[in-house]
All heavy atoms as atom14 arrays in JSON, in Angstrom:
{
  "sequence": "RVELVTTTDRVDIGRRAADIGIRSERPTEQWLAGRQSGKVAHAIYSG",
  "atom14_mask": [
    [1, 1, 1, 1, 1, 1, 1, 1, 1, 1, 1, 0, 0, 0],
    [1, 1, 1, 1, 1, 1, 1, 0, 0, 0, 0, 0, 0, 0],
    [1, 1, 1, 1, 1, 1, 1, 1, 1, 0, 0, 0, 0, 0],
    [1, 1, 1, 1, 1, 1, 1, 1, 0, 0, 0, 0, 0, 0],
    [1, 1, 1, 1, 1, 1, 1, 0, 0, 0, 0, 0, 0, 0],
    [1, 1, 1, 1, 1, 1, 1, 0, 0, 0, 0, 0, 0, 0],
    [1, 1, 1, 1, 1, 1, 1, 0, 0, 0, 0, 0, 0, 0],
    [1, 1, 1, 1, 1, 1, 1, 0, 0, 0, 0, 0, 0, 0],
    [1, 1, 1, 1, 1, 1, 1, 1, 0, 0, 0, 0, 0, 0],
    [1, 1, 1, 1, 1, 1, 1, 1, 1, 1, 1, 0, 0, 0],
    [1, 1, 1, 1, 1, 1, 1, 0, 0, 0, 0, 0, 0, 0],
    [1, 1, 1, 1, 1, 1, 1, 1, 0, 0, 0, 0, 0, 0],
    [1, 1, 1, 1, 1, 1, 1, 1, 0, 0, 0, 0, 0, 0],
    [1, 1, 1, 1, 0, 0, 0, 0, 0, 0, 0, 0, 0, 0],
    [1, 1, 1, 1, 1, 1, 1, 1, 1, 1, 1, 0, 0, 0],
    [1, 1, 1, 1, 1, 1, 1, 1, 1, 1, 1, 0, 0, 0],
    [1, 1, 1, 1, 1, 0, 0, 0, 0, 0, 0, 0, 0, 0],
    [1, 1, 1, 1, 1, 0, 0, 0, 0, 0, 0, 0, 0, 0],
    [1, 1, 1, 1, 1, 1, 1, 1, 0, 0, 0, 0, 0, 0],
    [1, 1, 1, 1, 1, 1, 1, 1, 0, 0, 0, 0, 0, 0],
    [1, 1, 1, 1, 0, 0, 0, 0, 0, 0, 0, 0, 0, 0],
    [1, 1, 1, 1, 1, 1, 1, 1, 0, 0, 0, 0, 0, 0],
    [1, 1, 1, 1, 1, 1, 1, 1, 1, 1, 1, 0, 0, 0],
    [1, 1, 1, 1, 1, 1, 0, 0, 0, 0, 0, 0, 0, 0],
    [1, 1, 1, 1, 1, 1, 1, 1, 1, 0, 0, 0, 0, 0],
    [1, 1, 1, 1, 1, 1, 1, 1, 1, 1, 1, 0, 0, 0],
    [1, 1, 1, 1, 1, 1, 1, 0, 0, 0, 0, 0, 0, 0],
    [1, 1, 1, 1, 1, 1, 1, 0, 0, 0, 0, 0, 0, 0],
    [1, 1, 1, 1, 1, 1, 1, 1, 1, 0, 0, 0, 0, 0],
    [1, 1, 1, 1, 1, 1, 1, 1, 1, 0, 0, 0, 0, 0],
    [1, 1, 1, 1, 1, 1, 1, 1, 1, 1, 1, 1, 1, 1],
    [1, 1, 1, 1, 1, 1, 1, 1, 0, 0, 0, 0, 0, 0],
    [1, 1, 1, 1, 1, 0, 0, 0, 0, 0, 0, 0, 0, 0],
    [1, 1, 1, 1, 0, 0, 0, 0, 0, 0, 0, 0, 0, 0],
    [1, 1, 1, 1, 1, 1, 1, 1, 1, 1, 1, 0, 0, 0],
    [1, 1, 1, 1, 1, 1, 1, 1, 1, 0, 0, 0, 0, 0],
    [1, 1, 1, 1, 1, 1, 0, 0, 0, 0, 0, 0, 0, 0],
    [1, 1, 1, 1, 0, 0, 0, 0, 0, 0, 0, 0, 0, 0],
    [1, 1, 1, 1, 1, 1, 1, 1, 1, 0, 0, 0, 0, 0],
    [1, 1, 1, 1, 1, 1, 1, 0, 0, 0, 0, 0, 0, 0],
    [1, 1, 1, 1, 1, 0, 0, 0, 0, 0, 0, 0, 0, 0],
    [1, 1, 1, 1, 1, 1, 1, 1, 1, 1, 0, 0, 0, 0],
    [1, 1, 1, 1, 1, 0, 0, 0, 0, 0, 0, 0, 0, 0],
    [1, 1, 1, 1, 1, 1, 1, 1, 0, 0, 0, 0, 0, 0],
    [1, 1, 1, 1, 1, 1, 1, 1, 1, 1, 1, 1, 0, 0],
    [1, 1, 1, 1, 1, 1, 0, 0, 0, 0, 0, 0, 0, 0],
    [1, 1, 1, 1, 0, 0, 0, 0, 0, 0, 0, 0, 0, 0]
  ],
  "atom14_positions": [
    [[77.67, 57.39, 31.48], [77.01, 58.55, 30.87], [75.51, 58.4, 31.04], [75.0, 57.29, 31.12], [77.37, 58.66, 29.39], [78.82, 59.05, 29.16], [79.1, 59.26, 27.68], [79.16, 57.98, 26.97], [79.09, 57.88, 25.64], [78.91, 58.95, 24.89], [79.18, 56.7, 25.06], [0.0, 0.0, 0.0], [0.0, 0.0, 0.0], [0.0, 0.0, 0.0]],
    [[74.82, 59.53, 31.11], [73.37, 59.54, 31.29], [72.73, 60.24, 30.11], [73.2, 61.29, 29.66], [72.98, 60.23, 32.61], [71.47, 60.4, 32.7], [73.49, 59.44, 33.8], [0.0, 0.0, 0.0], [0.0, 0.0, 0.0], [0.0, 0.0, 0.0], [0.0, 0.0, 0.0], [0.0, 0.0, 0.0], [0.0, 0.0, 0.0], [0.0, 0.0, 0.0]],
    [[71.66, 59.65, 29.61], [70.92, 60.24, 28.49], [69.45, 60.31, 28.88], [68.84, 59.31, 29.26], [71.1, 59.37, 27.25], [70.39, 59.89, 26.01], [70.66, 59.01, 24.8], [71.85, 58.76, 24.52], [69.69, 58.58, 24.16], [0.0, 0.0, 0.0], [0.0, 0.0, 0.0], [0.0, 0.0, 0.0], [0.0, 0.0, 0.0], [0.0, 0.0, 0.0]],
    [[68.86, 61.51, 28.8], [67.45, 61.7, 29.11], [66.62, 61.56, 27.84], [66.93, 62.17, 26.82], [67.2, 63.07, 29.74], [67.81, 63.31, 31.13], [67.46, 64.71, 31.62], [67.31, 62.27, 32.13], [0.0, 0.0, 0.0], [0.0, 0.0, 0.0], [0.0, 0.0, 0.0], [0.0, 0.0, 0.0], [0.0, 0.0, 0.0], [0.0, 0.0, 0.0]],
    [[65.58, 60.74, 27.91], [64.64, 60.55, 26.8], [63.32, 61.16, 27.24], [62.58, 60.58, 28.03], [64.46, 59.06, 26.46], [63.52, 58.9, 25.27], [65.81, 58.41, 26.17], [0.0, 0.0, 0.0], [0.0, 0.0, 0.0], [0.0, 0.0, 0.0], [0.0, 0.0, 0.0], [0.0, 0.0, 0.0], [0.0, 0.0, 0.0], [0.0, 0.0, 0.0]],
    [[63.02, 62.37, 26.75], [61.85, 63.11, 27.19], [60.72, 62.95, 26.19], [60.86, 63.31, 25.02], [62.18, 64.61, 27.35], [63.27, 64.76, 28.25], [60.98, 65.38, 27.87], [0.0, 0.0, 0.0], [0.0, 0.0, 0.0], [0.0, 0.0, 0.0], [0.0, 0.0, 0.0], [0.0, 0.0, 0.0], [0.0, 0.0, 0.0], [0.0, 0.0, 0.0]],
    [[59.59, 62.42, 26.64], [58.44, 62.22, 25.76], [57.2, 61.99, 26.59], [57.28, 61.5, 27.73], [58.67, 61.02, 24.82], [57.5, 60.8, 24.03], [58.99, 59.76, 25.59], [0.0, 0.0, 0.0], [0.0, 0.0, 0.0], [0.0, 0.0, 0.0], [0.0, 0.0, 0.0], [0.0, 0.0, 0.0], [0.0, 0.0, 0.0], [0.0, 0.0, 0.0]],
    [[56.04, 62.34, 26.03], [54.77, 62.04, 26.7], [54.33, 60.62, 26.41], [53.42, 60.1, 27.06], [53.66, 63.01, 26.23], [53.56, 62.96, 24.81], [53.98, 64.44, 26.66], [0.0, 0.0, 0.0], [0.0, 0.0, 0.0], [0.0, 0.0, 0.0], [0.0, 0.0, 0.0], [0.0, 0.0, 0.0], [0.0, 0.0, 0.0], [0.0, 0.0, 0.0]],
    [[54.97, 59.97, 25.43], [54.66, 58.59, 25.1], [55.44, 57.65, 26.02], [56.47, 58.02, 26.57], [55.0, 58.28, 23.64], [54.18, 59.11, 22.67], [53.0, 59.35, 22.97], [54.74, 59.53, 21.64], [0.0, 0.0, 0.0], [0.0, 0.0, 0.0], [0.0, 0.0, 0.0], [0.0, 0.0, 0.0], [0.0, 0.0, 0.0], [0.0, 0.0, 0.0]],
    [[54.96, 56.44, 26.12], [55.67, 55.44, 26.93], [56.79, 54.82, 26.11], [56.54, 54.21, 25.07], [54.7, 54.36, 27.42], [55.37, 53.26, 28.21], [54.38, 52.34, 28.88], [53.65, 53.04, 29.93], [52.81, 52.44, 30.77], [52.58, 51.15, 30.68], [52.18, 53.13, 31.7], [0.0, 0.0, 0.0], [0.0, 0.0, 0.0], [0.0, 0.0, 0.0]],
    [[58.01, 54.98, 26.56], [59.17, 54.43, 25.87], [59.3, 52.95, 26.22], [59.1, 52.54, 27.37], [60.45, 55.2, 26.27], [61.69, 54.54, 25.68], [60.35, 56.65, 25.8], [0.0, 0.0, 0.0], [0.0, 0.0, 0.0], [0.0, 0.0, 0.0], [0.0, 0.0, 0.0], [0.0, 0.0, 0.0], [0.0, 0.0, 0.0], [0.0, 0.0, 0.0]],
    [[59.62, 52.14, 25.23], [59.66, 50.69, 25.39], [60.96, 50.24, 26.06], [61.99, 50.07, 25.41], [59.5, 50.01, 24.03], [59.22, 48.52, 24.15], [59.4, 47.98, 25.26], [58.82, 47.91, 23.14], [0.0, 0.0, 0.0], [0.0, 0.0, 0.0], [0.0, 0.0, 0.0], [0.0, 0.0, 0.0], [0.0, 0.0, 0.0], [0.0, 0.0, 0.0]],
    [[60.91, 50.06, 27.37], [62.08, 49.59, 28.11], [62.41, 48.15, 27.72], [63.57, 47.74, 27.72], [61.84, 49.72, 29.63], [61.67, 51.2, 30.0], [62.99, 49.1, 30.43], [61.33, 51.42, 31.47], [0.0, 0.0, 0.0], [0.0, 0.0, 0.0], [0.0, 0.0, 0.0], [0.0, 0.0, 0.0], [0.0, 0.0, 0.0], [0.0, 0.0, 0.0]],
    [[61.37, 47.38, 27.39], [61.6, 45.99, 27.01], [62.48, 45.86, 25.79], [63.23, 44.89, 25.65], [0.0, 0.0, 0.0], [0.0, 0.0, 0.0], [0.0, 0.0, 0.0], [0.0, 0.0, 0.0], [0.0, 0.0, 0.0], [0.0, 0.0, 0.0], [0.0, 0.0, 0.0], [0.0, 0.0, 0.0], [0.0, 0.0, 0.0], [0.0, 0.0, 0.0]],
    [[62.43, 46.85, 24.89], [63.27, 46.84, 23.69], [64.53, 47.67, 23.88], [65.23, 47.98, 22.93], [62.49, 47.35, 22.49], [61.32, 46.45, 22.09], [60.83, 46.83, 20.71], [61.9, 46.73, 19.73], [62.3, 45.59, 19.17], [61.69, 44.46, 19.47], [63.29, 45.59, 18.31], [0.0, 0.0, 0.0], [0.0, 0.0, 0.0], [0.0, 0.0, 0.0]],
    [[64.8, 48.04, 25.15], [66.02, 48.78, 25.51], [66.06, 50.18, 24.91], [67.13, 50.75, 24.71], [67.28, 48.01, 25.11], [67.39, 46.6, 25.65], [67.3, 46.57, 27.18], [67.91, 45.39, 27.74], [67.31, 44.21, 27.87], [66.05, 44.08, 27.48], [67.94, 43.19, 28.41], [0.0, 0.0, 0.0], [0.0, 0.0, 0.0], [0.0, 0.0, 0.0]],
    [[64.87, 50.77, 24.61], [64.85, 52.17, 24.19], [65.21, 53.07, 25.36], [65.59, 54.23, 25.17], [63.47, 52.55, 23.63], [0.0, 0.0, 0.0], [0.0, 0.0, 0.0], [0.0, 0.0, 0.0], [0.0, 0.0, 0.0], [0.0, 0.0, 0.0], [0.0, 0.0, 0.0], [0.0, 0.0, 0.0], [0.0, 0.0, 0.0], [0.0, 0.0, 0.0]],
    [[65.09, 52.56, 26.58], [65.54, 53.25, 27.78], [65.88, 52.18, 28.82], [65.39, 51.05, 28.76], [64.46, 54.19, 28.32], [0.0, 0.0, 0.0], [0.0, 0.0, 0.0], [0.0, 0.0, 0.0], [0.0, 0.0, 0.0], [0.0, 0.0, 0.0], [0.0, 0.0, 0.0], [0.0, 0.0, 0.0], [0.0, 0.0, 0.0], [0.0, 0.0, 0.0]],
    [[66.75, 52.55, 29.74], [67.12, 51.62, 30.82], [66.25, 51.83, 32.05], [65.98, 50.89, 32.8], [68.59, 51.83, 31.2], [69.53, 51.56, 30.04], [69.6, 50.4, 29.6], [70.17, 52.51, 29.57], [0.0, 0.0, 0.0], [0.0, 0.0, 0.0], [0.0, 0.0, 0.0], [0.0, 0.0, 0.0], [0.0, 0.0, 0.0], [0.0, 0.0, 0.0]],
    [[65.83, 53.08, 32.27], [65.02, 53.44, 33.43], [63.86, 54.3, 32.95], [64.06, 55.2, 32.13], [65.86, 54.22, 34.47], [67.05, 53.38, 34.95], [64.99, 54.64, 35.65], [68.04, 54.17, 35.79], [0.0, 0.0, 0.0], [0.0, 0.0, 0.0], [0.0, 0.0, 0.0], [0.0, 0.0, 0.0], [0.0, 0.0, 0.0], [0.0, 0.0, 0.0]],
    [[62.68, 54.02, 33.44], [61.52, 54.85, 33.14], [60.91, 55.38, 34.42], [60.76, 54.65, 35.39], [0.0, 0.0, 0.0], [0.0, 0.0, 0.0], [0.0, 0.0, 0.0], [0.0, 0.0, 0.0], [0.0, 0.0, 0.0], [0.0, 0.0, 0.0], [0.0, 0.0, 0.0], [0.0, 0.0, 0.0], [0.0, 0.0, 0.0], [0.0, 0.0, 0.0]],
    [[60.58, 56.68, 34.43], [59.87, 57.27, 35.57], [58.42, 57.39, 35.14], [58.09, 58.21, 34.29], [60.46, 58.64, 35.95], [61.97, 58.52, 36.2], [59.77, 59.2, 37.19], [62.65, 59.85, 36.47], [0.0, 0.0, 0.0], [0.0, 0.0, 0.0], [0.0, 0.0, 0.0], [0.0, 0.0, 0.0], [0.0, 0.0, 0.0], [0.0, 0.0, 0.0]],
    [[57.56, 56.54, 35.7], [56.19, 56.39, 35.21], [55.16, 56.66, 36.3], [55.48, 56.63, 37.5], [55.99, 54.99, 34.63], [56.84, 54.7, 33.41], [56.55, 53.32, 32.87], [57.27, 53.05, 31.63], [57.22, 51.88, 30.99], [56.49, 50.89, 31.47], [57.9, 51.71, 29.86], [0.0, 0.0, 0.0], [0.0, 0.0, 0.0], [0.0, 0.0, 0.0]],
    [[53.93, 56.87, 35.86], [52.83, 57.15, 36.79], [52.02, 55.9, 37.11], [51.04, 55.99, 37.84], [51.9, 58.21, 36.2], [51.37, 57.79, 34.96], [0.0, 0.0, 0.0], [0.0, 0.0, 0.0], [0.0, 0.0, 0.0], [0.0, 0.0, 0.0], [0.0, 0.0, 0.0], [0.0, 0.0, 0.0], [0.0, 0.0, 0.0], [0.0, 0.0, 0.0]],
    [[52.42, 54.77, 36.58], [51.69, 53.53, 36.84], [52.66, 52.4, 37.14], [53.79, 52.38, 36.63], [50.84, 53.14, 35.63], [49.74, 54.14, 35.29], [48.98, 53.73, 34.04], [49.47, 52.83, 33.32], [47.91, 54.29, 33.79], [0.0, 0.0, 0.0], [0.0, 0.0, 0.0], [0.0, 0.0, 0.0], [0.0, 0.0, 0.0], [0.0, 0.0, 0.0]],
    [[52.2, 51.46, 37.92], [53.0, 50.27, 38.2], [53.13, 49.44, 36.92], [52.15, 49.25, 36.19], [52.31, 49.43, 39.28], [53.08, 48.19, 39.67], [52.4, 47.49, 40.83], [53.2, 46.39, 41.33], [52.98, 45.78, 42.49], [51.97, 46.17, 43.26], [53.75, 44.78, 42.87], [0.0, 0.0, 0.0], [0.0, 0.0, 0.0], [0.0, 0.0, 0.0]],
    [[54.33, 48.95, 36.61], [54.49, 48.16, 35.38], [53.76, 46.83, 35.49], [53.76, 46.18, 36.54], [56.01, 47.95, 35.29], [56.5, 48.06, 36.71], [55.6, 49.08, 37.35], [0.0, 0.0, 0.0], [0.0, 0.0, 0.0], [0.0, 0.0, 0.0], [0.0, 0.0, 0.0], [0.0, 0.0, 0.0], [0.0, 0.0, 0.0], [0.0, 0.0, 0.0]],
    [[53.13, 46.42, 34.4], [52.41, 45.15, 34.38], [53.1, 44.11, 33.52], [52.79, 42.92, 33.61], [50.98, 45.37, 33.84], [51.06, 45.99, 32.54], [50.19, 46.29, 34.77], [0.0, 0.0, 0.0], [0.0, 0.0, 0.0], [0.0, 0.0, 0.0], [0.0, 0.0, 0.0], [0.0, 0.0, 0.0], [0.0, 0.0, 0.0], [0.0, 0.0, 0.0]],
    [[54.04, 44.53, 32.68], [54.76, 43.59, 31.83], [55.66, 42.7, 32.69], [56.34, 43.19, 33.6], [55.59, 44.33, 30.78], [54.78, 45.21, 29.83], [54.59, 46.62, 30.36], [54.69, 46.81, 31.6], [54.34, 47.53, 29.54], [0.0, 0.0, 0.0], [0.0, 0.0, 0.0], [0.0, 0.0, 0.0], [0.0, 0.0, 0.0], [0.0, 0.0, 0.0]],
    [[55.71, 41.42, 32.38], [56.47, 40.48, 33.2], [57.97, 40.69, 33.11], [58.71, 40.25, 33.99], [56.12, 39.05, 32.79], [56.48, 38.7, 31.35], [56.1, 37.28, 30.97], [55.48, 36.58, 31.76], [56.46, 36.86, 29.78], [0.0, 0.0, 0.0], [0.0, 0.0, 0.0], [0.0, 0.0, 0.0], [0.0, 0.0, 0.0], [0.0, 0.0, 0.0]],
    [[58.44, 41.36, 32.06], [59.87, 41.57, 31.91], [60.34, 42.89, 32.54], [61.51, 43.23, 32.44], [60.25, 41.56, 30.43], [59.45, 42.51, 29.59], [59.7, 43.82, 29.36], [58.26, 42.2, 28.86], [58.75, 44.37, 28.56], [57.84, 43.38, 28.23], [57.52, 41.02, 28.69], [56.7, 43.43, 27.44], [56.38, 41.09, 27.9], [55.98, 42.28, 27.29]],
    [[59.44, 43.61, 33.2], [59.79, 44.87, 33.84], [59.71, 44.74, 35.35], [58.91, 43.98, 35.9], [58.87, 46.0, 33.37], [58.89, 46.35, 31.89], [57.95, 47.51, 31.6], [60.31, 46.68, 31.42], [0.0, 0.0, 0.0], [0.0, 0.0, 0.0], [0.0, 0.0, 0.0], [0.0, 0.0, 0.0], [0.0, 0.0, 0.0], [0.0, 0.0, 0.0]],
    [[60.57, 45.49, 36.03], [60.56, 45.56, 37.49], [60.36, 47.02, 37.89], [60.85, 47.93, 37.21], [61.87, 45.03, 38.06], [0.0, 0.0, 0.0], [0.0, 0.0, 0.0], [0.0, 0.0, 0.0], [0.0, 0.0, 0.0], [0.0, 0.0, 0.0], [0.0, 0.0, 0.0], [0.0, 0.0, 0.0], [0.0, 0.0, 0.0], [0.0, 0.0, 0.0]],
    [[59.64, 47.25, 38.98], [59.39, 48.62, 39.41], [59.36, 48.76, 40.91], [59.1, 47.8, 41.64], [0.0, 0.0, 0.0], [0.0, 0.0, 0.0], [0.0, 0.0, 0.0], [0.0, 0.0, 0.0], [0.0, 0.0, 0.0], [0.0, 0.0, 0.0], [0.0, 0.0, 0.0], [0.0, 0.0, 0.0], [0.0, 0.0, 0.0], [0.0, 0.0, 0.0]],
    [[59.63, 49.98, 41.35], [59.5, 50.3, 42.77], [58.87, 51.69, 42.88], [59.24, 52.61, 42.15], [60.84, 50.25, 43.49], [61.95, 50.99, 42.79], [63.24, 50.88, 43.56], [64.4, 51.08, 42.72], [65.62, 51.3, 43.19], [65.84, 51.35, 44.48], [66.64, 51.45, 42.35], [0.0, 0.0, 0.0], [0.0, 0.0, 0.0], [0.0, 0.0, 0.0]],
    [[57.93, 51.82, 43.78], [57.22, 53.08, 43.93], [58.1, 54.07, 44.68], [58.66, 53.75, 45.73], [55.9, 52.88, 44.66], [55.03, 54.12, 44.68], [53.65, 53.86, 45.27], [53.33, 52.73, 45.61], [52.86, 54.89, 45.4], [0.0, 0.0, 0.0], [0.0, 0.0, 0.0], [0.0, 0.0, 0.0], [0.0, 0.0, 0.0], [0.0, 0.0, 0.0]],
    [[58.21, 55.27, 44.13], [59.04, 56.3, 44.77], [58.2, 57.39, 45.43], [58.76, 58.29, 46.06], [59.96, 56.95, 43.72], [59.21, 57.54, 42.68], [0.0, 0.0, 0.0], [0.0, 0.0, 0.0], [0.0, 0.0, 0.0], [0.0, 0.0, 0.0], [0.0, 0.0, 0.0], [0.0, 0.0, 0.0], [0.0, 0.0, 0.0], [0.0, 0.0, 0.0]],
    [[56.87, 57.32, 45.27], [56.03, 58.32, 45.9], [54.77, 58.57, 45.1], [54.32, 57.72, 44.32], [0.0, 0.0, 0.0], [0.0, 0.0, 0.0], [0.0, 0.0, 0.0], [0.0, 0.0, 0.0], [0.0, 0.0, 0.0], [0.0, 0.0, 0.0], [0.0, 0.0, 0.0], [0.0, 0.0, 0.0], [0.0, 0.0, 0.0], [0.0, 0.0, 0.0]],
    [[54.18, 59.75, 45.29], [52.98, 60.16, 44.59], [53.16, 61.57, 44.03], [54.03, 62.32, 44.48], [51.76, 60.11, 45.52], [51.37, 58.69, 45.95], [50.13, 58.7, 46.81], [49.73, 57.27, 47.18], [49.25, 56.52, 46.0], [0.0, 0.0, 0.0], [0.0, 0.0, 0.0], [0.0, 0.0, 0.0], [0.0, 0.0, 0.0], [0.0, 0.0, 0.0]],
    [[52.3, 61.9, 43.05], [52.35, 63.21, 42.42], [50.95, 63.81, 42.44], [49.99, 63.19, 41.96], [52.86, 63.13, 40.96], [52.89, 64.52, 40.33], [54.23, 62.47, 40.91], [0.0, 0.0, 0.0], [0.0, 0.0, 0.0], [0.0, 0.0, 0.0], [0.0, 0.0, 0.0], [0.0, 0.0, 0.0], [0.0, 0.0, 0.0], [0.0, 0.0, 0.0]],
    [[50.83, 65.01, 42.99], [49.55, 65.71, 43.05], [49.5, 66.79, 41.97], [50.53, 67.28, 41.5], [49.35, 66.34, 44.42], [0.0, 0.0, 0.0], [0.0, 0.0, 0.0], [0.0, 0.0, 0.0], [0.0, 0.0, 0.0], [0.0, 0.0, 0.0], [0.0, 0.0, 0.0], [0.0, 0.0, 0.0], [0.0, 0.0, 0.0], [0.0, 0.0, 0.0]],
    [[48.26, 67.17, 41.58], [48.02, 68.23, 40.59], [47.03, 69.24, 41.16], [46.14, 68.88, 41.94], [47.46, 67.65, 39.3], [48.41, 66.78, 38.54], [48.79, 65.53, 38.99], [49.06, 66.96, 37.35], [49.64, 64.99, 38.13], [49.8, 65.83, 37.13], [0.0, 0.0, 0.0], [0.0, 0.0, 0.0], [0.0, 0.0, 0.0], [0.0, 0.0, 0.0]],
    [[47.17, 70.49, 40.75], [46.26, 71.54, 41.21], [46.13, 72.61, 40.13], [46.87, 72.62, 39.14], [46.76, 72.15, 42.52], [0.0, 0.0, 0.0], [0.0, 0.0, 0.0], [0.0, 0.0, 0.0], [0.0, 0.0, 0.0], [0.0, 0.0, 0.0], [0.0, 0.0, 0.0], [0.0, 0.0, 0.0], [0.0, 0.0, 0.0], [0.0, 0.0, 0.0]],
    [[45.17, 73.53, 40.35], [44.98, 74.65, 39.42], [45.86, 75.81, 39.86], [45.92, 76.16, 41.05], [43.5, 75.07, 39.39], [42.63, 73.93, 38.84], [43.31, 76.34, 38.54], [41.14, 74.24, 38.88], [0.0, 0.0, 0.0], [0.0, 0.0, 0.0], [0.0, 0.0, 0.0], [0.0, 0.0, 0.0], [0.0, 0.0, 0.0], [0.0, 0.0, 0.0]],
    [[46.52, 76.42, 38.88], [47.42, 77.55, 39.14], [47.06, 78.71, 38.23], [46.5, 78.54, 37.15], [48.87, 77.14, 38.89], [49.41, 76.16, 39.91], [49.17, 74.8, 39.78], [50.16, 76.6, 41.0], [49.65, 73.89, 40.71], [50.65, 75.7, 41.94], [50.39, 74.35, 41.79], [50.86, 73.47, 42.72], [0.0, 0.0, 0.0], [0.0, 0.0, 0.0]],
    [[47.44, 79.91, 38.69], [47.32, 81.12, 37.86], [48.61, 81.9, 37.96], [49.49, 81.59, 38.78], [46.14, 81.97, 38.34], [46.51, 82.73, 39.49], [0.0, 0.0, 0.0], [0.0, 0.0, 0.0], [0.0, 0.0, 0.0], [0.0, 0.0, 0.0], [0.0, 0.0, 0.0], [0.0, 0.0, 0.0], [0.0, 0.0, 0.0], [0.0, 0.0, 0.0]],
    [[48.71, 82.92, 37.13], [49.81, 83.86, 37.27], [49.57, 84.74, 38.49], [48.48, 84.74, 39.08], [0.0, 0.0, 0.0], [0.0, 0.0, 0.0], [0.0, 0.0, 0.0], [0.0, 0.0, 0.0], [0.0, 0.0, 0.0], [0.0, 0.0, 0.0], [0.0, 0.0, 0.0], [0.0, 0.0, 0.0], [0.0, 0.0, 0.0], [0.0, 0.0, 0.0]]
  ]
}
């Protein structure tokens, strides 16, 4: 089963609040592993 945890805060994977995190920064904690999946760009939009 899959459960999505949606939040602007960083969920603590180390405490098993989530199994997988999709983040904008490389993890620095020694108990976390990460792999880069790409980049995300931002721009100005209007209606």
